[in-house]
Amino acid sequence: MEWIILVVAGLFEMFAVMMMNQWHHTKTKESLLLMIASFAVSFICLAVALETLPMSLAYAIWTGIGAAGGGALIGIMIYNEPKNAKRIFFLSLIIIAVIGLKVLD
């Protein structure tokens, strides 16, 4: 169950980063409130997952999901950021590392 909660935390982190970008461009109250709420849910879920998972593992996976998913993949898919082979290769390494941490647990 803690793994599901950790993944949910990462997904909310991704959405919060997306809303941060949206707020940066539009400055609407809606995007600001969604960003704050998403970060809050993300942190709460991370805290719950930390009750049973080791901090080093949970934090690495949470930041990996947020960085690879929210920071990069969503940027590539939604905001037309560059998608060259080197960038895709290194994003793949982050994703493989997160999967590897789960497998080793």
N, C-alpha and C. Protein backbone atom coordinates (compact mmCIF):
# COMPACT_ATOMS: atom_id res chain seq x y z
N MET A 1 0.82 -1.20 0.00
CA MET A 1 0.00 0.00 0.00
C MET A 1 0.86 1.26 0.00
N GLU A 2 1.98 1.22 0.75
CA GLU A 2 2.85 2.40 0.81
C GLU A 2 3.44 2.75 -0.56
N TRP A 3 3.64 1.73 -1.41
CA TRP A 3 4.16 1.99 -2.76
C TRP A 3 3.13 2.73 -3.61
N ILE A 4 1.88 2.36 -3.46
CA ILE A 4 0.81 3.05 -4.20
C ILE A 4 0.73 4.49 -3.74
N ILE A 5 0.80 4.70 -2.44
CA ILE A 5 0.75 6.06 -1.90
C ILE A 5 1.94 6.87 -2.39
N LEU A 6 3.11 6.25 -2.47
CA LEU A 6 4.30 6.95 -2.96
C LEU A 6 4.15 7.33 -4.43
N VAL A 7 3.59 6.44 -5.23
CA VAL A 7 3.36 6.75 -6.64
C VAL A 7 2.33 7.88 -6.77
N VAL A 8 1.29 7.85 -5.95
CA VAL A 8 0.30 8.94 -5.95
C VAL A 8 0.98 10.25 -5.58
N ALA A 9 1.87 10.22 -4.59
CA ALA A 9 2.62 11.42 -4.22
C ALA A 9 3.41 11.95 -5.42
N GLY A 10 4.05 11.05 -6.15
CA GLY A 10 4.81 11.45 -7.33
C GLY A 10 3.92 12.02 -8.42
N LEU A 11 2.74 11.44 -8.61
CA LEU A 11 1.82 11.95 -9.62
C LEU A 11 1.31 13.34 -9.27
N PHE A 12 1.02 13.56 -7.99
CA PHE A 12 0.61 14.90 -7.57
C PHE A 12 1.76 15.89 -7.70
N GLU A 13 2.97 15.43 -7.48
CA GLU A 13 4.15 16.27 -7.69
C GLU A 13 4.24 16.68 -9.17
N MET A 14 3.99 15.72 -10.06
CA MET A 14 4.00 16.02 -11.50
C MET A 14 2.94 17.07 -11.84
N PHE A 15 1.74 16.88 -11.31
CA PHE A 15 0.66 17.83 -11.59
C PHE A 15 0.98 19.20 -11.01
N ALA A 16 1.57 19.23 -9.83
CA ALA A 16 1.94 20.51 -9.22
C ALA A 16 2.95 21.26 -10.07
N VAL A 17 3.92 20.54 -10.61
CA VAL A 17 4.92 21.18 -11.48
C VAL A 17 4.25 21.72 -12.74
N MET A 18 3.30 20.96 -13.27
CA MET A 18 2.56 21.42 -14.44
C MET A 18 1.77 22.70 -14.11
N MET A 19 1.16 22.73 -12.94
CA MET A 19 0.42 23.92 -12.53
C MET A 19 1.36 25.10 -12.24
N MET A 20 2.57 24.79 -11.77
CA MET A 20 3.55 25.85 -11.55
C MET A 20 3.88 26.53 -12.89
N ASN A 21 4.07 25.74 -13.91
CA ASN A 21 4.33 26.28 -15.25
C ASN A 21 3.14 27.07 -15.75
N GLN A 22 1.94 26.52 -15.52
CA GLN A 22 0.71 27.20 -15.94
C GLN A 22 0.58 28.54 -15.23
N TRP A 23 0.83 28.56 -13.93
CA TRP A 23 0.72 29.80 -13.16
C TRP A 23 1.76 30.82 -13.63
N HIS A 24 2.94 30.34 -13.96
CA HIS A 24 4.00 31.22 -14.44
C HIS A 24 3.56 31.96 -15.71
N HIS A 25 2.78 31.28 -16.55
CA HIS A 25 2.36 31.88 -17.81
C HIS A 25 1.07 32.68 -17.69
N THR A 26 0.14 32.26 -16.83
CA THR A 26 -1.18 32.89 -16.81
C THR A 26 -1.46 33.75 -15.58
N LYS A 27 -0.82 33.43 -14.47
CA LYS A 27 -1.02 34.13 -13.19
C LYS A 27 -2.48 34.11 -12.74
N THR A 28 -3.18 32.99 -12.97
CA THR A 28 -4.58 32.88 -12.52
C THR A 28 -4.62 32.28 -11.11
N LYS A 29 -5.66 32.65 -10.38
CA LYS A 29 -5.84 32.10 -9.04
C LYS A 29 -6.06 30.59 -9.09
N GLU A 30 -6.75 30.13 -10.12
CA GLU A 30 -7.03 28.70 -10.24
C GLU A 30 -5.74 27.88 -10.34
N SER A 31 -4.83 28.31 -11.19
CA SER A 31 -3.59 27.54 -11.34
C SER A 31 -2.74 27.64 -10.07
N LEU A 32 -2.77 28.78 -9.39
CA LEU A 32 -2.03 28.92 -8.13
C LEU A 32 -2.60 28.00 -7.06
N LEU A 33 -3.93 27.98 -6.93
CA LEU A 33 -4.56 27.14 -5.92
C LEU A 33 -4.36 25.65 -6.23
N LEU A 34 -4.45 25.28 -7.51
CA LEU A 34 -4.21 23.88 -7.88
C LEU A 34 -2.76 23.48 -7.61
N MET A 35 -1.83 24.40 -7.85
CA MET A 35 -0.43 24.11 -7.57
C MET A 35 -0.22 23.89 -6.08
N ILE A 36 -0.73 24.77 -5.26
CA ILE A 36 -0.56 24.66 -3.81
C ILE A 36 -1.23 23.38 -3.29
N ALA A 37 -2.45 23.11 -3.74
CA ALA A 37 -3.16 21.91 -3.29
C ALA A 37 -2.43 20.65 -3.73
N SER A 38 -1.92 20.64 -4.94
CA SER A 38 -1.20 19.45 -5.44
C SER A 38 0.08 19.20 -4.67
N PHE A 39 0.83 20.26 -4.38
CA PHE A 39 2.03 20.10 -3.58
C PHE A 39 1.68 19.59 -2.18
N ALA A 40 0.59 20.12 -1.60
CA ALA A 40 0.19 19.70 -0.27
C ALA A 40 -0.17 18.21 -0.25
N VAL A 41 -0.98 17.77 -1.22
CA VAL A 41 -1.35 16.35 -1.29
C VAL A 41 -0.10 15.50 -1.51
N SER A 42 0.80 15.97 -2.36
CA SER A 42 2.03 15.24 -2.63
C SER A 42 2.86 15.06 -1.37
N PHE A 43 3.04 16.13 -0.61
CA PHE A 43 3.82 16.05 0.63
C PHE A 43 3.15 15.17 1.67
N ILE A 44 1.83 15.26 1.77
CA ILE A 44 1.12 14.42 2.73
C ILE A 44 1.26 12.94 2.36
N CYS A 45 1.09 12.62 1.09
CA CYS A 45 1.26 11.22 0.65
C CYS A 45 2.69 10.75 0.88
N LEU A 46 3.67 11.61 0.60
CA LEU A 46 5.05 11.25 0.86
C LEU A 46 5.27 10.97 2.35
N ALA A 47 4.71 11.81 3.20
CA ALA A 47 4.85 11.61 4.65
C ALA A 47 4.24 10.28 5.09
N VAL A 48 3.10 9.94 4.52
CA VAL A 48 2.45 8.65 4.86
C VAL A 48 3.33 7.49 4.40
N ALA A 49 3.87 7.59 3.19
CA ALA A 49 4.74 6.52 2.68
C ALA A 49 6.01 6.39 3.53
N LEU A 50 6.49 7.51 4.06
CA LEU A 50 7.70 7.48 4.89
C LEU A 50 7.50 6.79 6.23
N GLU A 51 6.25 6.54 6.59
CA GLU A 51 6.00 5.82 7.84
C GLU A 51 6.50 4.38 7.76
N THR A 52 6.55 3.81 6.55
CA THR A 52 6.99 2.42 6.41
C THR A 52 8.19 2.25 5.49
N LEU A 53 8.37 3.14 4.53
CA LEU A 53 9.50 3.04 3.61
C LEU A 53 10.69 3.84 4.13
N PRO A 54 11.91 3.41 3.85
CA PRO A 54 13.07 4.20 4.25
C PRO A 54 13.11 5.53 3.50
N MET A 55 13.55 6.58 4.19
CA MET A 55 13.56 7.91 3.61
C MET A 55 14.38 7.97 2.32
N SER A 56 15.56 7.36 2.32
CA SER A 56 16.42 7.44 1.14
C SER A 56 15.74 6.83 -0.09
N LEU A 57 15.03 5.77 0.10
CA LEU A 57 14.34 5.10 -1.00
C LEU A 57 13.12 5.91 -1.45
N ALA A 58 12.28 6.27 -0.50
CA ALA A 58 11.04 6.98 -0.83
C ALA A 58 11.32 8.34 -1.47
N TYR A 59 12.28 9.07 -0.92
CA TYR A 59 12.57 10.40 -1.46
C TYR A 59 13.17 10.29 -2.86
N ALA A 60 14.04 9.32 -3.08
CA ALA A 60 14.64 9.14 -4.41
C ALA A 60 13.57 8.81 -5.44
N ILE A 61 12.64 7.96 -5.09
CA ILE A 61 11.58 7.60 -6.03
C ILE A 61 10.62 8.76 -6.25
N TRP A 62 10.26 9.45 -5.19
CA TRP A 62 9.36 10.61 -5.30
C TRP A 62 9.96 11.69 -6.19
N THR A 63 11.23 12.02 -5.97
CA THR A 63 11.87 13.04 -6.80
C THR A 63 12.07 12.53 -8.23
N GLY A 64 12.35 11.24 -8.39
CA GLY A 64 12.49 10.69 -9.73
C GLY A 64 11.22 10.79 -10.53
N ILE A 65 10.10 10.45 -9.91
CA ILE A 65 8.80 10.57 -10.58
C ILE A 65 8.53 12.03 -10.92
N GLY A 66 8.78 12.91 -9.97
CA GLY A 66 8.53 14.34 -10.21
C GLY A 66 9.44 14.93 -11.27
N ALA A 67 10.72 14.58 -11.23
CA ALA A 67 11.67 15.15 -12.19
C ALA A 67 11.47 14.58 -13.59
N ALA A 68 11.42 13.27 -13.69
CA ALA A 68 11.28 12.65 -15.01
C ALA A 68 9.89 12.89 -15.58
N GLY A 69 8.88 12.72 -14.72
CA GLY A 69 7.50 12.85 -15.20
C GLY A 69 7.07 14.28 -15.36
N GLY A 70 7.09 15.01 -14.26
CA GLY A 70 6.58 16.38 -14.28
C GLY A 70 7.52 17.36 -14.96
N GLY A 71 8.78 17.26 -14.62
CA GLY A 71 9.72 18.23 -15.15
C GLY A 71 10.08 18.01 -16.59
N ALA A 72 10.13 16.78 -17.02
CA ALA A 72 10.65 16.51 -18.35
C ALA A 72 9.63 15.91 -19.32
N LEU A 73 9.03 14.79 -18.97
CA LEU A 73 8.11 14.15 -19.91
C LEU A 73 6.90 15.02 -20.23
N ILE A 74 6.32 15.64 -19.23
CA ILE A 74 5.18 16.53 -19.49
C ILE A 74 5.63 17.74 -20.29
N GLY A 75 6.84 18.23 -19.99
CA GLY A 75 7.38 19.35 -20.77
C GLY A 75 7.54 18.99 -22.23
N ILE A 76 8.01 17.78 -22.48
CA ILE A 76 8.17 17.33 -23.87
C ILE A 76 6.82 17.11 -24.54
N MET A 77 5.91 16.44 -23.84
CA MET A 77 4.63 16.07 -24.45
C MET A 77 3.65 17.24 -24.58
N ILE A 78 3.60 18.11 -23.58
CA ILE A 78 2.59 19.15 -23.58
C ILE A 78 3.14 20.52 -23.99
N TYR A 79 4.35 20.84 -23.54
CA TYR A 79 4.88 22.19 -23.76
C TYR A 79 5.91 22.27 -24.88
N ASN A 80 5.99 21.23 -25.70
CA ASN A 80 6.87 21.22 -26.88
C ASN A 80 8.33 21.54 -26.56
N GLU A 81 8.82 21.02 -25.44
CA GLU A 81 10.23 21.18 -25.12
C GLU A 81 11.04 20.22 -25.97
N PRO A 82 12.33 20.47 -26.14
CA PRO A 82 13.16 19.62 -27.01
C PRO A 82 13.09 18.14 -26.62
N LYS A 83 13.09 17.27 -27.62
CA LYS A 83 13.06 15.83 -27.37
C LYS A 83 14.14 15.13 -28.18
N ASN A 84 15.37 15.53 -27.95
CA ASN A 84 16.47 14.90 -28.68
C ASN A 84 16.86 13.57 -28.02
N ALA A 85 17.67 12.80 -28.70
CA ALA A 85 18.03 11.45 -28.26
C ALA A 85 18.76 11.45 -26.92
N LYS A 86 19.64 12.41 -26.69
CA LYS A 86 20.38 12.45 -25.43
C LYS A 86 19.44 12.71 -24.25
N ARG A 87 18.53 13.61 -24.44
CA ARG A 87 17.57 13.93 -23.38
C ARG A 87 16.70 12.71 -23.06
N ILE A 88 16.21 12.04 -24.08
CA ILE A 88 15.40 10.84 -23.88
C ILE A 88 16.22 9.75 -23.20
N PHE A 89 17.47 9.59 -23.59
CA PHE A 89 18.35 8.59 -22.98
C PHE A 89 18.50 8.83 -21.48
N PHE A 90 18.78 10.06 -21.08
CA PHE A 90 19.00 10.33 -19.66
C PHE A 90 17.70 10.28 -18.86
N LEU A 91 16.58 10.65 -19.46
CA LEU A 91 15.29 10.47 -18.79
C LEU A 91 15.01 8.99 -18.58
N SER A 92 15.37 8.18 -19.55
CA SER A 92 15.22 6.73 -19.42
C SER A 92 16.04 6.19 -18.26
N LEU A 93 17.23 6.74 -18.08
CA LEU A 93 18.06 6.31 -16.94
C LEU A 93 17.37 6.61 -15.61
N ILE A 94 16.73 7.77 -15.51
CA ILE A 94 16.01 8.10 -14.26
C ILE A 94 14.88 7.10 -14.04
N ILE A 95 14.13 6.82 -15.09
CA ILE A 95 13.01 5.89 -14.96
C ILE A 95 13.50 4.49 -14.61
N ILE A 96 14.57 4.05 -15.26
CA ILE A 96 15.15 2.73 -14.95
C ILE A 96 15.64 2.69 -13.50
N ALA A 97 16.25 3.77 -13.04
CA ALA A 97 16.74 3.82 -11.66
C ALA A 97 15.58 3.73 -10.66
N VAL A 98 14.48 4.41 -10.93
CA VAL A 98 13.32 4.33 -10.03
C VAL A 98 12.76 2.91 -10.01
N ILE A 99 12.65 2.29 -11.16
CA ILE A 99 12.19 0.90 -11.21
C ILE A 99 13.16 -0.02 -10.47
N GLY A 100 14.45 0.22 -10.68
CA GLY A 100 15.47 -0.59 -9.99
C GLY A 100 15.39 -0.48 -8.49
N LEU A 101 15.12 0.73 -7.98
CA LEU A 101 14.98 0.89 -6.53
C LEU A 101 13.79 0.11 -6.00
N LYS A 102 12.72 0.06 -6.75
CA LYS A 102 11.56 -0.71 -6.33
C LYS A 102 11.87 -2.21 -6.35
N VAL A 103 12.55 -2.66 -7.40
CA VAL A 103 12.85 -4.08 -7.51
C VAL A 103 13.78 -4.54 -6.37
N LEU A 104 14.71 -3.70 -5.98
CA LEU A 104 15.66 -4.05 -4.94
C LEU A 104 15.06 -4.03 -3.54
N ASP A 105 13.92 -3.38 -3.38
CA ASP A 105 13.32 -3.27 -2.05
C ASP A 105 12.71 -4.59 -1.61
